[in-house]
Protein backbone atom coordinates (compact mmCIF):
# COMPACT_ATOMS: atom_id res chain seq x y z
CA MET A 1 237.30 157.13 159.86
CA SER A 2 237.44 158.15 156.26
CA HIS A 3 235.81 159.77 154.09
CA MET A 4 235.60 159.45 150.16
CA ASP A 5 233.51 161.61 147.90
CA LEU A 6 231.43 159.89 144.93
CA PRO A 7 232.04 161.34 141.53
CA PRO A 8 229.08 162.04 139.45
CA THR A 9 228.52 159.25 136.62
CA PRO A 10 225.79 159.43 134.11
CA PHE A 11 222.44 157.44 133.97
CA HIS A 12 221.28 155.21 131.23
CA GLU A 13 217.91 154.21 130.68
CA ILE A 14 216.81 150.30 130.54
CA ASP A 15 213.87 148.61 129.52
CA LEU A 16 212.13 146.24 131.62
CA MET A 17 211.09 142.80 129.76
CA GLU A 18 208.11 140.80 131.41
CA VAL A 19 209.46 137.52 132.94
CA PRO A 20 207.60 134.88 130.95
CA ARG A 21 204.88 133.06 132.46
CA LEU A 22 203.44 129.40 131.87
CA GLN A 23 200.13 130.67 131.48
CA SER A 24 200.91 133.97 129.69
CA PRO A 25 201.93 132.78 126.20
CA ALA A 26 201.52 136.15 124.74
CA PRO A 27 204.81 137.99 123.94
CA GLN A 28 206.59 139.72 126.10
CA GLN A 29 205.89 143.04 127.27
CA ARG A 30 208.75 145.63 127.41
CA VAL A 31 208.37 148.89 129.20
CA ALA A 32 210.80 151.91 128.96
CA GLY A 33 210.97 155.22 130.61
CA ARG A 34 210.86 153.48 134.53
CA VAL A 35 214.23 152.93 135.46
CA SER A 36 217.63 154.15 134.73
CA LEU A 37 221.09 152.81 135.89
CA SER A 38 224.21 154.52 136.48
CA THR A 39 227.80 154.12 135.49
CA ALA A 40 229.65 152.20 138.14
CA VAL A 41 231.96 154.03 140.35
CA VAL A 42 235.00 151.60 140.88
CA HIS A 43 237.85 152.36 142.83
CA PRO A 44 240.54 150.19 144.59
CA LEU A 45 241.31 151.53 148.48
CA THR A 46 245.06 151.36 148.95
CA PRO A 47 247.15 151.79 151.96
CA GLN A 48 248.42 154.98 150.67
CA GLU A 49 244.95 156.87 150.60
CA ALA A 50 244.73 156.04 154.65
CA ALA A 51 248.03 157.24 155.34
CA ALA A 52 246.88 160.81 155.77
CA GLY A 53 243.99 159.79 157.85
CA ASP A 54 243.51 156.76 160.09
CA ALA A 55 246.26 154.94 161.41
CA GLU A 56 244.45 151.78 161.96
CA TRP A 57 243.22 151.64 158.53
CA LEU A 58 246.45 152.16 157.14
CA GLY A 59 248.09 149.34 158.93
CA PHE A 60 244.95 147.19 158.21
CA LEU A 61 245.11 147.39 154.59
CA THR A 62 249.28 147.28 154.73
CA ALA A 63 249.14 143.89 156.96
CA GLU A 64 246.10 142.97 153.89
CA ALA A 65 248.22 144.31 150.72
CA ALA A 66 250.14 140.92 150.50
CA HIS A 67 247.38 138.24 149.76
CA SER A 68 244.04 140.46 149.79
CA ASP A 69 242.89 143.83 147.61
CA TYR A 70 240.08 145.77 148.40
CA LEU A 71 237.85 147.97 145.83
CA LEU A 72 234.69 150.12 146.41
CA LEU A 73 232.25 149.54 143.77
CA SER A 74 229.02 151.78 143.60
CA LEU A 75 226.17 152.62 141.47
CA THR A 76 222.66 153.79 141.29
CA CYS A 77 219.23 152.79 139.97
CA ALA A 78 216.80 155.75 139.64
CA PHE A 79 213.05 154.57 139.57
CA ARG A 80 210.52 156.73 137.82
CA PRO A 81 206.85 157.54 138.38
CA PRO A 82 204.44 155.97 135.85
CA ALA A 83 202.75 157.76 132.98
CA ASN A 84 199.77 155.29 133.29
CA GLY A 85 199.73 155.09 137.07
CA ASP A 86 200.93 151.28 137.16
CA PRO A 87 203.21 151.68 140.17
CA PHE A 88 206.54 149.64 141.00
CA ALA A 89 205.28 146.93 143.98
CA ASP A 90 209.30 146.02 144.73
CA ALA A 91 212.46 146.12 142.87
CA ALA A 92 215.77 143.92 143.56
CA VAL A 93 219.10 144.79 142.39
CA GLY A 94 221.86 141.98 142.42
CA ILE A 95 225.66 141.62 142.04
CA LEU A 96 227.23 138.55 141.12
CA LEU A 97 231.22 138.99 142.18
CA LYS A 98 233.45 136.35 140.25
CA SER A 99 237.60 135.89 139.35
CA PRO A 100 237.36 134.10 136.16
CA ASP A 101 239.12 130.60 136.30
CA GLU A 102 240.07 131.02 140.14
CA PRO A 103 239.62 128.37 142.72
CA ALA A 104 236.56 128.66 145.14
CA ASP A 105 238.45 129.71 147.85
CA ARG A 106 240.15 132.54 145.49
CA GLN A 107 236.88 133.98 144.58
CA PRO A 108 235.87 137.49 146.00
CA ILE A 109 233.11 138.42 148.61
CA ALA A 110 231.19 141.33 149.63
CA TRP A 111 233.23 142.55 152.62
CA SER A 112 230.52 145.39 153.20
CA ILE A 113 227.51 146.63 151.77
CA SER A 114 225.59 149.48 151.94
CA PRO A 115 222.36 149.96 152.57
CA ARG A 116 221.90 147.16 154.74
CA LYS A 117 218.18 148.01 156.44
CA ARG A 118 216.29 151.38 155.74
CA SER A 119 212.62 152.16 156.39
CA HIS A 120 212.73 155.39 153.97
CA PRO A 121 214.08 156.63 150.72
CA VAL A 122 216.97 159.02 150.66
CA GLU A 123 218.81 161.02 148.29
CA ARG A 124 221.50 160.22 146.29
CA ALA A 125 224.70 159.07 148.08
CA THR A 126 227.53 161.24 147.35
CA THR A 127 229.88 160.17 149.98
CA VAL A 128 230.88 156.95 151.48
CA ALA A 129 232.15 156.80 155.05
CA LEU A 130 234.17 153.79 155.93
CA THR A 131 235.72 152.64 159.22
CA ALA A 132 239.22 151.25 159.80
CA LYS A 133 237.87 147.76 159.38
CA LEU A 134 236.38 148.73 155.77
CA ALA A 135 232.72 148.74 157.09
CA ILE A 136 230.41 151.19 155.38
CA VAL A 137 228.91 153.55 157.78
CA GLU A 138 225.41 154.01 157.31
CA SER A 139 224.76 157.82 156.17
CA THR A 140 220.78 156.95 157.89
CA LEU A 141 219.68 155.52 161.31
CA GLU A 142 218.98 151.80 160.74
CA VAL A 143 215.77 149.98 161.81
CA THR A 144 216.46 148.05 164.82
CA PRO A 145 214.91 145.23 167.09
CA GLY A 146 211.82 146.88 169.53
CA GLN A 147 211.21 149.87 166.90
CA GLY A 148 207.57 147.86 166.49
CA ARG A 149 205.90 146.91 163.36
CA GLU A 150 208.16 149.51 160.73
CA GLU A 151 207.38 148.46 157.26
CA LEU A 152 210.73 148.48 155.51
CA PHE A 153 211.73 150.26 152.12
CA VAL A 154 214.82 148.55 151.19
CA VAL A 155 217.27 145.58 152.87
CA GLY A 156 220.50 144.53 151.60
CA MET A 157 221.96 140.90 151.98
CA GLY A 158 224.49 138.91 151.13
CA GLU A 159 227.00 140.30 153.13
CA ARG A 160 230.83 138.28 153.37
CA ASP A 161 229.02 136.26 150.18
CA SER A 162 229.72 136.54 146.47
CA ASP A 163 226.13 137.40 145.56
CA PRO A 164 224.92 140.83 147.63
CA GLU A 165 221.52 141.73 147.03
CA TRP A 166 219.02 144.45 148.06
CA ARG A 167 215.55 144.39 147.86
CA VAL A 168 213.52 147.62 147.60
CA GLN A 169 209.77 147.40 148.53
CA ALA A 170 206.95 150.14 148.22
CA THR A 171 205.27 150.42 151.52
CA SER A 172 202.56 152.51 152.72
CA ARG A 173 204.15 155.43 153.23
CA HIS A 174 206.52 155.74 150.81
CA PRO A 175 205.97 154.68 146.77
CA LEU A 176 209.01 153.35 145.01
CA ILE A 177 210.29 156.25 143.38
CA GLY A 178 213.58 158.00 143.25
CA ASP A 179 217.54 157.24 143.32
CA GLU A 180 218.76 154.05 145.35
CA THR A 181 222.69 154.27 145.72
CA PHE A 182 224.41 150.43 146.38
CA THR A 183 227.39 150.52 147.50
CA VAL A 184 229.74 147.24 148.22
CA ILE A 185 233.58 146.83 149.38
CA VAL A 186 234.70 144.11 147.44
CA LYS A 187 237.81 142.03 148.88
CA ALA A 188 239.40 140.17 146.12
CA THR A 189 242.60 137.88 145.89
CA ALA A 190 245.59 140.37 145.55
CA GLY A 191 245.92 140.41 141.73
CA THR A 192 243.33 138.23 140.49
CA PRO A 193 240.58 139.51 137.71
CA VAL A 194 237.46 140.37 139.33
CA GLN A 195 234.06 140.92 137.63
CA ALA A 196 230.89 142.25 138.65
CA HIS A 197 227.52 141.24 137.17
CA VAL A 198 224.76 143.11 137.68
CA THR A 199 220.85 142.29 137.48
CA VAL A 200 218.00 144.50 138.41
CA ALA A 201 214.47 143.34 138.55
CA ALA A 202 211.14 145.22 139.16
CA THR A 203 207.62 144.39 139.61
CA ILE A 204 205.08 146.50 138.60
CA LYS A 205 201.41 146.67 139.78
CA HIS A 206 198.95 146.72 136.81
CA ARG A 207 195.54 148.09 137.08
CA ARG A 208 194.45 145.78 134.53
CA PHE A 209 196.66 142.61 134.77
CA GLY A 210 197.47 142.56 138.54
CA LEU A 211 201.56 142.10 139.49
CA ILE A 212 203.48 141.35 136.57
CA SER A 213 207.63 140.67 136.86
CA TYR A 214 209.99 141.89 134.59
CA ARG A 215 213.99 141.81 134.35
CA ALA A 216 216.00 144.78 133.24
CA ASP A 217 217.35 144.22 129.30
CA LEU A 218 220.96 145.55 130.30
CA PRO A 219 223.57 146.46 127.75
CA ALA A 220 227.18 144.70 128.20
CA ALA A 221 228.58 147.88 129.60
CA LEU A 222 226.02 147.67 132.47
CA ARG A 223 225.94 144.23 132.72
CA THR A 224 229.50 143.41 133.49
CA ILE A 225 231.65 145.46 135.49
CA ASP A 226 235.52 145.20 135.50
CA LEU A 227 236.75 146.07 138.51
CA ARG A 228 240.42 146.02 137.64
CA ALA A 229 239.27 148.89 135.12
CA PRO A 230 238.33 152.01 137.38
CA THR A 231 235.58 153.99 135.90
CA GLY A 232 235.87 156.46 138.51
CA SER A 233 238.10 157.69 141.38
CA PRO A 234 236.64 158.98 144.54
CA ASN A 235 238.17 161.67 146.22
CA PRO A 236 239.40 160.90 149.75
CA ASP A 237 238.72 163.20 152.49
CA THR A 238 241.90 163.16 155.11
CA SER A 239 239.53 164.18 157.74
CA THR A 240 238.90 161.72 160.63
CA THR A 241 236.43 161.25 163.39
């Protein structure tokens, strides 16, 4: 197993724009100060990084290098408590992976994602652990069948697809407040351009108006990420387990 330290990246406050509704012709409401998004960490995973660690990981990447690249993408979304008492009901973070001008069979996919399933918040992730096959090792225990009717706080989906997504849900035990880190190992055709288009949405429970859906008004630098232009370089830990 290989461990990589994620470098700290700055947060950028983003506004939420009300999603238009047919029954509400009034101007869209803008909510500020509730959500921040970090600059993404982007890092290509190379056989050389694995050479000092897991021999199986090195062999896997070396065999794949002729036709596939693997890149790490990680970002953190911060949900802040309300000043007026209106809490988040839920939120979603989506990533659409694309290789412009490439055919469908050469489009990138989410090889592995984290988190996959969790019933409680955790602190902002600072380390990513990878198995020899580049599966992300979860840092917390996942909810498994047979554990009863446990409420899920976050659910990830879209592994091995081009559009991974995470749904975050306030529960009776945990309000939707704090930092959530979302990480993807992207598999792309060797040498092709790779972009990640980010979307953030949320639902706020207003005391007067009820549930209202919002989408984040992301600036271009946060909305579209070029995975071939790394914004941060994790430090590989050569220890193995």
